[in-house]
Amino acid sequence: MNIQTRKLVLIEEFLRINDESLITKLESFIKLEKKLSHERNLKPMLLNEFHEMIDQAKQDSDAGRVISHQELRKKVKTWK
């Protein structure tokens, strides 16, 4: 059985569930697994990479390639 078929079977099973506490447990389980999966894929940054990022940020700031907090908030509002 391929993954797409397995997903469809799982969805069908999920749709038959009438127990709200079981749905809540499944939601919690999925959120936890997504978080753990994300954390497993994180890789520590090397110290020299960190220093390079700081140097780049200083160069950007010195060259005026920055925006204020207020400007950023305005831009973010337009993303929705």
PDB file of N, CA and C in Angstrom:
ATOM      1  N   MET A   1       0.862  -1.177   0.000  1.00  0.00           N
ATOM      2  CA  MET A   1       0.000   0.000   0.000  1.00  0.00           C
ATOM      3  C   MET A   1       0.907   1.240   0.000  1.00  0.00           C
ATOM      4  N   ASN A   2       0.694   2.145  -0.957  1.00  0.00           N
ATOM      5  CA  ASN A   2       1.530   3.345  -1.017  1.00  0.00           C
ATOM      6  C   ASN A   2       1.049   4.388  -0.003  1.00  0.00           C
ATOM      7  N   ILE A   3       1.823   5.421   0.147  1.00  0.00           N
ATOM      8  CA  ILE A   3       1.544   6.418   1.196  1.00  0.00           C
ATOM      9  C   ILE A   3       0.221   7.152   0.940  1.00  0.00           C
ATOM     10  N   GLN A   4      -0.093   7.443  -0.317  1.00  0.00           N
ATOM     11  CA  GLN A   4      -1.343   8.151  -0.620  1.00  0.00           C
ATOM     12  C   GLN A   4      -2.552   7.305  -0.220  1.00  0.00           C
ATOM     13  N   THR A   5      -2.486   6.006  -0.501  1.00  0.00           N
ATOM     14  CA  THR A   5      -3.576   5.099  -0.111  1.00  0.00           C
ATOM     15  C   THR A   5      -3.679   5.024   1.397  1.00  0.00           C
ATOM     16  N   ARG A   6      -2.552   4.944   2.065  1.00  0.00           N
ATOM     17  CA  ARG A   6      -2.557   4.889   3.524  1.00  0.00           C
ATOM     18  C   ARG A   6      -3.172   6.143   4.119  1.00  0.00           C
ATOM     19  N   LYS A   7      -2.854   7.310   3.535  1.00  0.00           N
ATOM     20  CA  LYS A   7      -3.430   8.571   4.011  1.00  0.00           C
ATOM     21  C   LYS A   7      -4.943   8.559   3.863  1.00  0.00           C
ATOM     22  N   LEU A   8      -5.419   8.088   2.721  1.00  0.00           N
ATOM     23  CA  LEU A   8      -6.871   8.045   2.488  1.00  0.00           C
ATOM     24  C   LEU A   8      -7.560   7.115   3.473  1.00  0.00           C
ATOM     25  N   VAL A   9      -6.961   5.974   3.739  1.00  0.00           N
ATOM     26  CA  VAL A   9      -7.521   5.035   4.718  1.00  0.00           C
ATOM     27  C   VAL A   9      -7.564   5.689   6.094  1.00  0.00           C
ATOM     28  N   LEU A  10      -6.493   6.379   6.447  1.00  0.00           N
ATOM     29  CA  LEU A  10      -6.432   7.065   7.740  1.00  0.00           C
ATOM     30  C   LEU A  10      -7.501   8.154   7.839  1.00  0.00           C
ATOM     31  N   ILE A  11      -7.666   8.905   6.783  1.00  0.00           N
ATOM     32  CA  ILE A  11      -8.698   9.958   6.771  1.00  0.00           C
ATOM     33  C   ILE A  11     -10.079   9.349   6.948  1.00  0.00           C
ATOM     34  N   GLU A  12     -10.335   8.266   6.247  1.00  0.00           N
ATOM     35  CA  GLU A  12     -11.639   7.596   6.379  1.00  0.00           C
ATOM     36  C   GLU A  12     -11.866   7.131   7.813  1.00  0.00           C
ATOM     37  N   GLU A  13     -10.843   6.553   8.425  1.00  0.00           N
ATOM     38  CA  GLU A  13     -10.952   6.118   9.821  1.00  0.00           C
ATOM     39  C   GLU A  13     -11.200   7.309  10.738  1.00  0.00           C
ATOM     40  N   PHE A  14     -10.462   8.372  10.514  1.00  0.00           N
ATOM     41  CA  PHE A  14     -10.605   9.568  11.336  1.00  0.00           C
ATOM     42  C   PHE A  14     -12.027  10.122  11.250  1.00  0.00           C
ATOM     43  N   LEU A  15     -12.592  10.121  10.065  1.00  0.00           N
ATOM     44  CA  LEU A  15     -13.943  10.658   9.882  1.00  0.00           C
ATOM     45  C   LEU A  15     -14.996   9.833  10.613  1.00  0.00           C
ATOM     46  N   ARG A  16     -14.683   8.602  10.922  1.00  0.00           N
ATOM     47  CA  ARG A  16     -15.636   7.743  11.652  1.00  0.00           C
ATOM     48  C   ARG A  16     -15.564   7.933  13.166  1.00  0.00           C
ATOM     49  N   ILE A  17     -14.565   8.652  13.641  1.00  0.00           N
ATOM     50  CA  ILE A  17     -14.391   8.832  15.087  1.00  0.00           C
ATOM     51  C   ILE A  17     -15.442   9.812  15.607  1.00  0.00           C
ATOM     52  N   ASN A  18     -16.110   9.415  16.669  1.00  0.00           N
ATOM     53  CA  ASN A  18     -17.112  10.268  17.302  1.00  0.00           C
ATOM     54  C   ASN A  18     -16.708  10.701  18.711  1.00  0.00           C
ATOM     55  N   ASP A  19     -15.601  10.187  19.177  1.00  0.00           N
ATOM     56  CA  ASP A  19     -15.133  10.476  20.525  1.00  0.00           C
ATOM     57  C   ASP A  19     -14.223  11.710  20.490  1.00  0.00           C
ATOM     58  N   GLU A  20     -14.720  12.816  21.061  1.00  0.00           N
ATOM     59  CA  GLU A  20     -13.966  14.072  21.015  1.00  0.00           C
ATOM     60  C   GLU A  20     -12.630  13.974  21.747  1.00  0.00           C
ATOM     61  N   SER A  21     -12.582  13.214  22.828  1.00  0.00           N
ATOM     62  CA  SER A  21     -11.318  13.082  23.568  1.00  0.00           C
ATOM     63  C   SER A  21     -10.275  12.351  22.727  1.00  0.00           C
ATOM     64  N   LEU A  22     -10.694  11.402  21.925  1.00  0.00           N
ATOM     65  CA  LEU A  22      -9.766  10.709  21.041  1.00  0.00           C
ATOM     66  C   LEU A  22      -9.247  11.657  19.959  1.00  0.00           C
ATOM     67  N   ILE A  23     -10.097  12.490  19.441  1.00  0.00           N
ATOM     68  CA  ILE A  23      -9.682  13.483  18.444  1.00  0.00           C
ATOM     69  C   ILE A  23      -8.668  14.446  19.062  1.00  0.00           C
ATOM     70  N   THR A  24      -8.930  14.871  20.287  1.00  0.00           N
ATOM     71  CA  THR A  24      -8.007  15.752  20.985  1.00  0.00           C
ATOM     72  C   THR A  24      -6.642  15.081  21.169  1.00  0.00           C
ATOM     73  N   LYS A  25      -6.648  13.806  21.542  1.00  0.00           N
ATOM     74  CA  LYS A  25      -5.392  13.071  21.709  1.00  0.00           C
ATOM     75  C   LYS A  25      -4.648  12.960  20.381  1.00  0.00           C
ATOM     76  N   LEU A  26      -5.366  12.694  19.311  1.00  0.00           N
ATOM     77  CA  LEU A  26      -4.731  12.594  17.993  1.00  0.00           C
ATOM     78  C   LEU A  26      -4.140  13.932  17.570  1.00  0.00           C
ATOM     79  N   GLU A  27      -4.857  15.010  17.826  1.00  0.00           N
ATOM     80  CA  GLU A  27      -4.337  16.351  17.517  1.00  0.00           C
ATOM     81  C   GLU A  27      -3.049  16.621  18.279  1.00  0.00           C
ATOM     82  N   SER A  28      -3.053  16.300  19.563  1.00  0.00           N
ATOM     83  CA  SER A  28      -1.863  16.509  20.395  1.00  0.00           C
ATOM     84  C   SER A  28      -0.693  15.670  19.902  1.00  0.00           C
ATOM     85  N   PHE A  29      -0.987  14.432  19.544  1.00  0.00           N
ATOM     86  CA  PHE A  29       0.054  13.541  19.045  1.00  0.00           C
ATOM     87  C   PHE A  29       0.673  14.085  17.758  1.00  0.00           C
ATOM     88  N   ILE A  30      -0.165  14.537  16.837  1.00  0.00           N
ATOM     89  CA  ILE A  30       0.330  15.066  15.562  1.00  0.00           C
ATOM     90  C   ILE A  30       1.180  16.315  15.800  1.00  0.00           C
ATOM     91  N   LYS A  31       0.719  17.220  16.658  1.00  0.00           N
ATOM     92  CA  LYS A  31       1.494  18.431  16.951  1.00  0.00           C
ATOM     93  C   LYS A  31       2.848  18.079  17.555  1.00  0.00           C
ATOM     94  N   LEU A  32       2.856  17.150  18.484  1.00  0.00           N
ATOM     95  CA  LEU A  32       4.101  16.746  19.135  1.00  0.00           C
ATOM     96  C   LEU A  32       5.051  16.117  18.133  1.00  0.00           C
ATOM     97  N   GLU A  33       4.550  15.232  17.295  1.00  0.00           N
ATOM     98  CA  GLU A  33       5.398  14.566  16.300  1.00  0.00           C
ATOM     99  C   GLU A  33       5.964  15.556  15.295  1.00  0.00           C
ATOM    100  N   LYS A  34       5.175  16.545  14.885  1.00  0.00           N
ATOM    101  CA  LYS A  34       5.675  17.565  13.964  1.00  0.00           C
ATOM    102  C   LYS A  34       6.789  18.368  14.617  1.00  0.00           C
ATOM    103  N   LYS A  35       6.594  18.711  15.890  1.00  0.00           N
ATOM    104  CA  LYS A  35       7.611  19.471  16.628  1.00  0.00           C
ATOM    105  C   LYS A  35       8.891  18.661  16.759  1.00  0.00           C
ATOM    106  N   LEU A  36       8.762  17.393  17.142  1.00  0.00           N
ATOM    107  CA  LEU A  36       9.940  16.540  17.310  1.00  0.00           C
ATOM    108  C   LEU A  36      10.657  16.327  15.982  1.00  0.00           C
ATOM    109  N   SER A  37       9.912  16.160  14.925  1.00  0.00           N
ATOM    110  CA  SER A  37      10.500  15.986  13.602  1.00  0.00           C
ATOM    111  C   SER A  37      11.294  17.225  13.203  1.00  0.00           C
ATOM    112  N   HIS A  38      10.710  18.384  13.460  1.00  0.00           N
ATOM    113  CA  HIS A  38      11.397  19.641  13.159  1.00  0.00           C
ATOM    114  C   HIS A  38      12.688  19.753  13.969  1.00  0.00           C
ATOM    115  N   GLU A  39      12.619  19.421  15.244  1.00  0.00           N
ATOM    116  CA  GLU A  39      13.786  19.519  16.116  1.00  0.00           C
ATOM    117  C   GLU A  39      14.884  18.540  15.688  1.00  0.00           C
ATOM    118  N   ARG A  40      14.495  17.350  15.205  1.00  0.00           N
ATOM    119  CA  ARG A  40      15.488  16.377  14.745  1.00  0.00           C
ATOM    120  C   ARG A  40      16.230  16.883  13.517  1.00  0.00           C
ATOM    121  N   ASN A  41      15.582  17.716  12.723  1.00  0.00           N
ATOM    122  CA  ASN A  41      16.192  18.216  11.499  1.00  0.00           C
ATOM    123  C   ASN A  41      17.028  19.479  11.710  1.00  0.00           C
ATOM    124  N   LEU A  42      16.982  20.046  12.913  1.00  0.00           N
ATOM    125  CA  LEU A  42      17.793  21.223  13.200  1.00  0.00           C
ATOM    126  C   LEU A  42      19.258  20.823  13.309  1.00  0.00           C
ATOM    127  N   LYS A  43      20.103  21.673  12.787  1.00  0.00           N
ATOM    128  CA  LYS A  43      21.534  21.421  12.883  1.00  0.00           C
ATOM    129  C   LYS A  43      22.191  22.623  13.567  1.00  0.00           C
ATOM    130  N   PRO A  44      23.093  22.358  14.490  1.00  0.00           N
ATOM    131  CA  PRO A  44      23.753  23.477  15.166  1.00  0.00           C
ATOM    132  C   PRO A  44      24.587  24.289  14.178  1.00  0.00           C
ATOM    133  N   MET A  45      24.620  25.569  14.417  1.00  0.00           N
ATOM    134  CA  MET A  45      25.406  26.462  13.576  1.00  0.00           C
ATOM    135  C   MET A  45      26.850  26.442  14.063  1.00  0.00           C
ATOM    136  N   LEU A  46      27.769  26.413  13.101  1.00  0.00           N
ATOM    137  CA  LEU A  46      29.177  26.489  13.461  1.00  0.00           C
ATOM    138  C   LEU A  46      29.500  27.909  13.915  1.00  0.00           C
ATOM    139  N   LEU A  47      30.490  28.033  14.771  1.00  0.00           N
ATOM    140  CA  LEU A  47      30.850  29.329  15.317  1.00  0.00           C
ATOM    141  C   LEU A  47      31.266  30.298  14.215  1.00  0.00           C
ATOM    142  N   ASN A  48      32.008  29.811  13.231  1.00  0.00           N
ATOM    143  CA  ASN A  48      32.439  30.719  12.159  1.00  0.00           C
ATOM    144  C   ASN A  48      31.239  31.169  11.312  1.00  0.00           C
ATOM    145  N   GLU A  49      30.218  30.313  11.163  1.00  0.00           N
ATOM    146  CA  GLU A  49      29.003  30.722  10.448  1.00  0.00           C
ATOM    147  C   GLU A  49      28.287  31.842  11.203  1.00  0.00           C
ATOM    148  N   PHE A  50      28.247  31.694  12.513  1.00  0.00           N
ATOM    149  CA  PHE A  50      27.624  32.700  13.363  1.00  0.00           C
ATOM    150  C   PHE A  50      28.345  34.044  13.225  1.00  0.00           C
ATOM    151  N   HIS A  51      29.658  34.002  13.247  1.00  0.00           N
ATOM    152  CA  HIS A  51      30.455  35.225  13.108  1.00  0.00           C
ATOM    153  C   HIS A  51      30.247  35.848  11.726  1.00  0.00           C
ATOM    154  N   GLU A  52      30.150  35.011  10.694  1.00  0.00           N
ATOM    155  CA  GLU A  52      29.899  35.527   9.347  1.00  0.00           C
ATOM    156  C   GLU A  52      28.549  36.238   9.272  1.00  0.00           C
ATOM    157  N   MET A  53      27.546  35.666   9.942  1.00  0.00           N
ATOM    158  CA  MET A  53      26.225  36.295   9.960  1.00  0.00           C
ATOM    159  C   MET A  53      26.274  37.644  10.671  1.00  0.00           C
ATOM    160  N   ILE A  54      27.007  37.712  11.761  1.00  0.00           N
ATOM    161  CA  ILE A  54      27.146  38.972  12.499  1.00  0.00           C
ATOM    162  C   ILE A  54      27.857  40.007  11.630  1.00  0.00           C
ATOM    163  N   ASP A  55      28.932  39.578  10.973  1.00  0.00           N
ATOM    164  CA  ASP A  55      29.665  40.493  10.091  1.00  0.00           C
ATOM    165  C   ASP A  55      28.762  41.007   8.973  1.00  0.00           C
ATOM    166  N   GLN A  56      27.969  40.123   8.375  1.00  0.00           N
ATOM    167  CA  GLN A  56      27.062  40.526   7.305  1.00  0.00           C
ATOM    168  C   GLN A  56      26.017  41.513   7.831  1.00  0.00           C
ATOM    169  N   ALA A  57      25.499  41.259   9.026  1.00  0.00           N
ATOM    170  CA  ALA A  57      24.508  42.160   9.612  1.00  0.00           C
ATOM    171  C   ALA A  57      25.120  43.551   9.856  1.00  0.00           C
ATOM    172  N   LYS A  58      26.354  43.583  10.322  1.00  0.00           N
ATOM    173  CA  LYS A  58      27.025  44.871  10.539  1.00  0.00           C
ATOM    174  C   LYS A  58      27.207  45.611   9.217  1.00  0.00           C
ATOM    175  N   GLN A  59      27.603  44.878   8.168  1.00  0.00           N
ATOM    176  CA  GLN A  59      27.776  45.490   6.849  1.00  0.00           C
ATOM    177  C   GLN A  59      26.444  46.030   6.327  1.00  0.00           C
ATOM    178  N   ASP A  60      25.389  45.252   6.493  1.00  0.00           N
ATOM    179  CA  ASP A  60      24.062  45.704   6.055  1.00  0.00           C
ATOM    180  C   ASP A  60      23.652  46.964   6.796  1.00  0.00           C
ATOM    181  N   SER A  61      23.900  46.990   8.094  1.00  0.00           N
ATOM    182  CA  SER A  61      23.543  48.155   8.890  1.00  0.00           C
ATOM    183  C   SER A  61      24.347  49.380   8.454  1.00  0.00           C
ATOM    184  N   ASP A  62      25.645  49.202   8.275  1.00  0.00           N
ATOM    185  CA  ASP A  62      26.507  50.307   7.853  1.00  0.00           C
ATOM    186  C   ASP A  62      26.111  50.842   6.478  1.00  0.00           C
ATOM    187  N   ALA A  63      25.612  49.952   5.609  1.00  0.00           N
ATOM    188  CA  ALA A  63      25.238  50.353   4.248  1.00  0.00           C
ATOM    189  C   ALA A  63      23.793  50.858   4.175  1.00  0.00           C
ATOM    190  N   GLY A  64      23.113  50.871   5.320  1.00  0.00           N
ATOM    191  CA  GLY A  64      21.741  51.370   5.344  1.00  0.00           C
ATOM    192  C   GLY A  64      20.711  50.375   4.840  1.00  0.00           C
ATOM    193  N   ARG A  65      21.082  49.108   4.747  1.00  0.00           N
ATOM    194  CA  ARG A  65      20.139  48.076   4.282  1.00  0.00           C
ATOM    195  C   ARG A  65      19.360  47.510   5.471  1.00  0.00           C
ATOM    196  N   VAL A  66      18.671  48.398   6.164  1.00  0.00           N
ATOM    197  CA  VAL A  66      17.860  48.023   7.321  1.00  0.00           C
ATOM    198  C   VAL A  66      16.549  48.799   7.278  1.00  0.00           C
ATOM    199  N   ILE A  67      15.556  48.300   8.008  1.00  0.00           N
ATOM    200  CA  ILE A  67      14.305  49.046   8.170  1.00  0.00           C
ATOM    201  C   ILE A  67      13.955  49.056   9.648  1.00  0.00           C
ATOM    202  N   SER A  68      13.146  50.012  10.016  1.00  0.00           N
ATOM    203  CA  SER A  68      12.768  50.119  11.423  1.00  0.00           C
ATOM    204  C   SER A  68      11.759  49.030  11.784  1.00  0.00           C
ATOM    205  N   HIS A  69      11.628  48.849  13.067  1.00  0.00           N
ATOM    206  CA  HIS A  69      10.657  47.887  13.584  1.00  0.00           C
ATOM    207  C   HIS A  69       9.249  48.240  13.102  1.00  0.00           C
ATOM    208  N   GLN A  70       8.910  49.516  13.154  1.00  0.00           N
ATOM    209  CA  GLN A  70       7.580  49.962  12.722  1.00  0.00           C
ATOM    210  C   GLN A  70       7.355  49.684  11.238  1.00  0.00           C
ATOM    211  N   GLU A  71       8.380  49.930  10.409  1.00  0.00           N
ATOM    212  CA  GLU A  71       8.256  49.653   8.981  1.00  0.00           C
ATOM    213  C   GLU A  71       8.044  48.156   8.736  1.00  0.00           C
ATOM    214  N   LEU A  72       8.765  47.343   9.467  1.00  0.00           N
ATOM    215  CA  LEU A  72       8.623  45.903   9.316  1.00  0.00           C
ATOM    216  C   LEU A  72       7.218  45.449   9.703  1.00  0.00           C
ATOM    217  N   ARG A  73       6.695  45.987  10.787  1.00  0.00           N
ATOM    218  CA  ARG A  73       5.338  45.630  11.214  1.00  0.00           C
ATOM    219  C   ARG A  73       4.319  45.980  10.133  1.00  0.00           C
ATOM    220  N   LYS A  74       4.494  47.130   9.488  1.00  0.00           N
ATOM    221  CA  LYS A  74       3.592  47.525   8.401  1.00  0.00           C
ATOM    222  C   LYS A  74       3.681  46.553   7.238  1.00  0.00           C
ATOM    223  N   LYS A  75       4.890  46.160   6.890  1.00  0.00           N
ATOM    224  CA  LYS A  75       5.074  45.188   5.790  1.00  0.00           C
ATOM    225  C   LYS A  75       4.423  43.860   6.133  1.00  0.00           C
ATOM    226  N   VAL A  76       4.607  43.394   7.362  1.00  0.00           N
ATOM    227  CA  VAL A  76       4.058  42.101   7.765  1.00  0.00           C
ATOM    228  C   VAL A  76       2.536  42.118   7.650  1.00  0.00           C
ATOM    229  N   LYS A  77       1.914  43.213   7.998  1.00  0.00           N
ATOM    230  CA  LYS A  77       0.458  43.303   7.912  1.00  0.00           C
ATOM    231  C   LYS A  77      -0.046  43.108   6.488  1.00  0.00           C
ATOM    232  N   THR A  78       0.765  43.507   5.502  1.00  0.00           N
ATOM    233  CA  THR A  78       0.346  43.347   4.105  1.00  0.00           C
ATOM    234  C   THR A  78       0.511  41.920   3.608  1.00  0.00           C
ATOM    235  N   TRP A  79       1.220  41.073   4.346  1.00  0.00           N
ATOM    236  CA  TRP A  79       1.456  39.688   3.925  1.00  0.00           C
ATOM    237  C   TRP A  79       0.220  38.818   4.087  1.00  0.00           C
ATOM    238  N   LYS A  80      -0.715  39.217   4.894  1.00  0.00           N
ATOM    239  CA  LYS A  80      -1.872  38.374   5.218  1.00  0.00           C
ATOM    240  C   LYS A  80      -2.842  38.281   4.091  1.00  0.00           C
TER     241      LYS A  80
END
